[in-house]
Amino acid sequence: MEGNKIDNTPETTERLESLYSEAISLLGEDVTRQGLIDTPKRVAKAMEFMLKGYNEDPVAILKSAMFEEDYSQMVLVKDIELYSLCEHHMLPFFGKAHIAYIPSGHIVGLSKIPRVVDAFARRLQVQERLTNQIRDCIQETIQPLGVAVVIEARHLCMQMRGVQKQNSKTTTSAFHGEFLKEETRSEFISLISTKLD
């Protein structure tokens, strides 16, 4: 998978803190004033957390809870919250992922699918790549009959800067196998659109 592991050591955090302190100064603020004294350290730690996906292995996450099971109908986990950082401006994008697969001899623990989403989302990303990475990881690891991924997200790089369109939402999708068939894909779309509450 793309990216390098983050060296989460005190030295790394201190170096990031120094860089953020310099950046804040260059942007015209006084990093010695009371409200900003600890800001560079907080930002450094926040960035390490928000990019922790580089230290996670999505394949290992799935393999840690794979079970043989004679079930061949759709398994859907929807409304998975996701938070990521756009790689172009390092501003957040956030929304929901809807993921389904049709088992072919193996199922995975349901909690592992949101963890795979986090492992890829907690990196510098674009939504299109994120959608494909989730699909490909599930397909290649558990080899189901098909995988479907839909992500709906709001991008602060569009809402806070640039075109400043506050109500815009971006939807991406990626399908494999049985979900390339219109009937199966339509069932998936219908299920993610239905509120069962």
Protein backbone atom coordinates (compact mmCIF):
# COMPACT_ATOMS: atom_id res chain seq x y z
CA MET A 1 0.00 0.00 0.00
CA GLU A 2 1.12 3.57 -0.66
CA GLY A 3 3.00 5.73 1.81
CA ASN A 4 5.71 5.29 4.38
CA LYS A 5 5.35 4.45 8.03
CA ILE A 6 5.43 7.43 10.38
CA ASP A 7 8.30 7.30 12.83
CA ASN A 8 6.22 8.05 15.94
CA THR A 9 9.00 8.98 18.32
CA PRO A 10 9.37 11.98 20.63
CA GLU A 11 12.06 13.26 18.25
CA THR A 12 9.58 13.21 15.34
CA THR A 13 6.98 15.08 17.38
CA GLU A 14 9.57 17.67 18.46
CA ARG A 15 10.70 18.22 14.87
CA LEU A 16 7.11 18.66 13.71
CA GLU A 17 6.49 21.04 16.61
CA SER A 18 9.47 23.14 15.51
CA LEU A 19 8.25 23.24 11.91
CA TYR A 20 4.72 24.25 12.91
CA SER A 21 6.12 26.94 15.21
CA GLU A 22 8.08 28.35 12.28
CA ALA A 23 5.04 28.17 9.97
CA ILE A 24 2.83 30.02 12.47
CA SER A 25 5.48 32.74 12.79
CA LEU A 26 5.80 33.04 9.01
CA LEU A 27 2.03 33.50 8.79
CA GLY A 28 2.28 36.57 11.02
CA GLU A 29 1.42 35.26 14.50
CA ASP A 30 3.36 35.47 17.74
CA VAL A 31 3.97 31.88 18.87
CA THR A 32 5.02 33.13 22.31
CA ARG A 33 1.61 34.59 23.18
CA GLN A 34 -0.42 32.66 25.74
CA GLY A 35 -2.97 31.11 23.39
CA LEU A 36 -0.32 29.81 20.98
CA ILE A 37 2.46 28.61 23.29
CA ASP A 38 1.44 24.94 23.09
CA THR A 39 -0.25 25.09 19.67
CA PRO A 40 2.71 23.77 17.63
CA LYS A 41 2.92 20.68 19.88
CA ARG A 42 -0.86 20.13 19.73
CA VAL A 43 -0.83 20.43 15.93
CA ALA A 44 2.10 18.02 15.65
CA LYS A 45 0.30 15.41 17.73
CA ALA A 46 -2.96 15.99 15.87
CA MET A 47 -1.27 15.45 12.51
CA GLU A 48 0.38 12.25 13.74
CA PHE A 49 -3.05 11.00 14.78
CA MET A 50 -4.84 12.09 11.61
CA LEU A 51 -2.21 10.38 9.46
CA LYS A 52 -1.87 7.22 11.55
CA GLY A 53 -3.15 5.12 8.64
CA TYR A 54 0.38 4.94 7.27
CA ASN A 55 1.22 2.70 10.23
CA GLU A 56 -1.76 0.39 9.73
CA ASP A 57 -1.99 -2.62 7.41
CA PRO A 58 -5.52 -2.96 6.00
CA VAL A 59 -4.84 -6.48 4.69
CA ALA A 60 -3.70 -7.63 8.14
CA ILE A 61 -6.82 -6.05 9.65
CA LEU A 62 -9.07 -8.15 7.41
CA LYS A 63 -7.03 -11.33 7.82
CA SER A 64 -7.21 -11.03 11.61
CA ALA A 65 -10.92 -11.88 11.51
CA MET A 66 -11.55 -14.04 8.43
CA PHE A 67 -13.86 -16.99 8.91
CA GLU A 68 -15.02 -19.79 6.67
CA GLU A 69 -18.78 -19.50 6.26
CA ASP A 70 -21.31 -20.88 3.79
CA TYR A 71 -23.06 -17.58 3.12
CA SER A 72 -23.35 -16.11 -0.35
CA GLN A 73 -25.75 -13.17 -0.03
CA MET A 74 -24.83 -9.51 0.20
CA VAL A 75 -23.18 -8.26 3.39
CA LEU A 76 -23.58 -4.50 3.73
CA VAL A 77 -22.03 -2.10 6.25
CA LYS A 78 -23.34 1.39 5.61
CA ASP A 79 -23.00 4.88 7.06
CA ILE A 80 -19.38 4.33 8.14
CA GLU A 81 -18.06 7.70 9.29
CA LEU A 82 -14.82 8.70 7.63
CA TYR A 83 -12.41 11.58 8.12
CA SER A 84 -9.45 12.24 5.86
CA LEU A 85 -7.10 14.98 4.70
CA CYS A 86 -7.05 16.15 1.10
CA GLU A 87 -3.53 15.73 -0.24
CA HIS A 88 -3.72 18.95 -2.26
CA HIS A 89 -4.34 21.42 0.60
CA MET A 90 -4.18 19.20 3.70
CA LEU A 91 -7.70 20.28 4.60
CA PRO A 92 -10.23 17.76 5.91
CA PHE A 93 -12.85 15.94 3.93
CA PHE A 94 -15.40 13.88 5.78
CA GLY A 95 -18.53 11.87 5.20
CA LYS A 96 -19.78 8.31 5.01
CA ALA A 97 -18.75 5.11 3.29
CA HIS A 98 -21.13 2.33 2.30
CA ILE A 99 -19.47 -1.02 1.64
CA ALA A 100 -20.90 -4.37 0.55
CA TYR A 101 -19.45 -7.69 -0.50
CA ILE A 102 -20.82 -11.07 -1.53
CA PRO A 103 -18.87 -13.83 0.24
CA SER A 104 -17.36 -16.79 -1.55
CA GLY A 105 -16.49 -19.09 1.32
CA HIS A 106 -15.17 -16.44 3.72
CA ILE A 107 -16.65 -13.63 5.76
CA VAL A 108 -14.87 -11.04 7.91
CA GLY A 109 -15.70 -9.60 11.31
CA LEU A 110 -17.99 -6.65 10.69
CA SER A 111 -15.87 -4.25 12.76
CA LYS A 112 -12.92 -4.86 10.43
CA ILE A 113 -14.56 -3.10 7.49
CA PRO A 114 -14.75 0.31 9.25
CA ARG A 115 -11.16 -0.25 10.44
CA VAL A 116 -10.06 -0.75 6.82
CA VAL A 117 -11.82 2.51 5.91
CA ASP A 118 -9.90 4.30 8.69
CA ALA A 119 -6.58 2.73 7.71
CA PHE A 120 -6.85 4.20 4.22
CA ALA A 121 -8.65 7.44 5.18
CA ARG A 122 -6.07 8.42 7.83
CA ARG A 123 -3.57 9.27 5.10
CA LEU A 124 -3.16 12.15 2.67
CA GLN A 125 -5.83 11.23 0.16
CA VAL A 126 -8.08 12.00 -2.73
CA GLN A 127 -11.58 10.57 -2.50
CA GLU A 128 -11.33 8.72 -5.81
CA ARG A 129 -8.20 6.80 -4.76
CA LEU A 130 -9.62 6.09 -1.30
CA THR A 131 -12.71 4.50 -2.87
CA ASN A 132 -10.62 2.23 -5.10
CA GLN A 133 -8.19 1.29 -2.33
CA ILE A 134 -10.99 0.05 -0.08
CA ARG A 135 -12.56 -1.97 -2.90
CA ASP A 136 -9.27 -3.51 -4.01
CA CYS A 137 -8.18 -4.40 -0.47
CA ILE A 138 -11.40 -6.27 0.26
CA GLN A 139 -11.44 -7.96 -3.14
CA GLU A 140 -7.82 -9.10 -3.04
CA THR A 141 -7.84 -10.19 0.60
CA ILE A 142 -11.05 -12.18 1.01
CA GLN A 143 -11.76 -12.79 -2.70
CA PRO A 144 -15.54 -12.42 -2.56
CA LEU A 145 -17.86 -12.72 -5.55
CA GLY A 146 -18.01 -8.95 -5.66
CA VAL A 147 -17.39 -5.70 -3.77
CA ALA A 148 -19.18 -2.35 -3.82
CA VAL A 149 -17.97 0.90 -2.28
CA VAL A 150 -19.73 4.26 -2.30
CA ILE A 151 -18.33 7.30 -0.48
CA GLU A 152 -20.18 10.58 0.05
CA ALA A 153 -18.05 13.39 1.44
CA ARG A 154 -17.82 17.11 2.01
CA HIS A 155 -14.48 18.75 1.24
CA LEU A 156 -13.35 21.79 3.21
CA CYS A 157 -10.98 22.70 0.37
CA MET A 158 -14.17 23.46 -1.63
CA GLN A 159 -16.13 24.97 1.25
CA MET A 160 -13.51 27.16 2.98
CA ARG A 161 -11.40 28.25 0.00
CA GLY A 162 -11.49 28.13 -3.80
CA VAL A 163 -15.07 28.02 -5.07
CA GLN A 164 -16.48 28.25 -1.49
CA LYS A 165 -19.53 26.09 -2.18
CA GLN A 166 -20.69 25.18 1.32
CA ASN A 167 -23.42 22.72 0.34
CA SER A 168 -21.50 20.66 -2.19
CA LYS A 169 -21.03 16.95 -1.65
CA THR A 170 -18.89 14.54 -3.69
CA THR A 171 -19.94 10.94 -4.34
CA THR A 172 -17.56 8.29 -5.67
CA SER A 173 -18.18 4.62 -6.34
CA ALA A 174 -16.18 1.51 -7.16
CA PHE A 175 -17.57 -1.92 -8.05
CA HIS A 176 -16.12 -5.34 -8.75
CA GLY A 177 -17.43 -8.73 -9.76
CA GLU A 178 -21.16 -9.33 -9.18
CA PHE A 179 -21.70 -5.63 -8.50
CA LEU A 180 -20.89 -4.85 -12.11
CA LYS A 181 -24.28 -6.42 -12.91
CA GLU A 182 -27.14 -3.93 -12.98
CA GLU A 183 -29.45 -6.04 -10.81
CA THR A 184 -26.94 -6.50 -7.97
CA ARG A 185 -25.76 -2.90 -8.11
CA SER A 186 -29.38 -1.66 -8.00
CA GLU A 187 -30.07 -3.76 -4.90
CA PHE A 188 -27.00 -2.25 -3.23
CA ILE A 189 -28.02 1.31 -4.13
CA SER A 190 -31.54 0.65 -2.87
CA LEU A 191 -30.25 -0.71 0.44
CA ILE A 192 -27.91 2.21 1.14
CA SER A 193 -30.75 4.63 0.34
CA THR A 194 -33.23 2.94 2.72
CA LYS A 195 -33.61 4.08 6.31
CA LEU A 196 -34.53 1.15 8.56
CA ASP A 197 -34.81 3.21 11.78
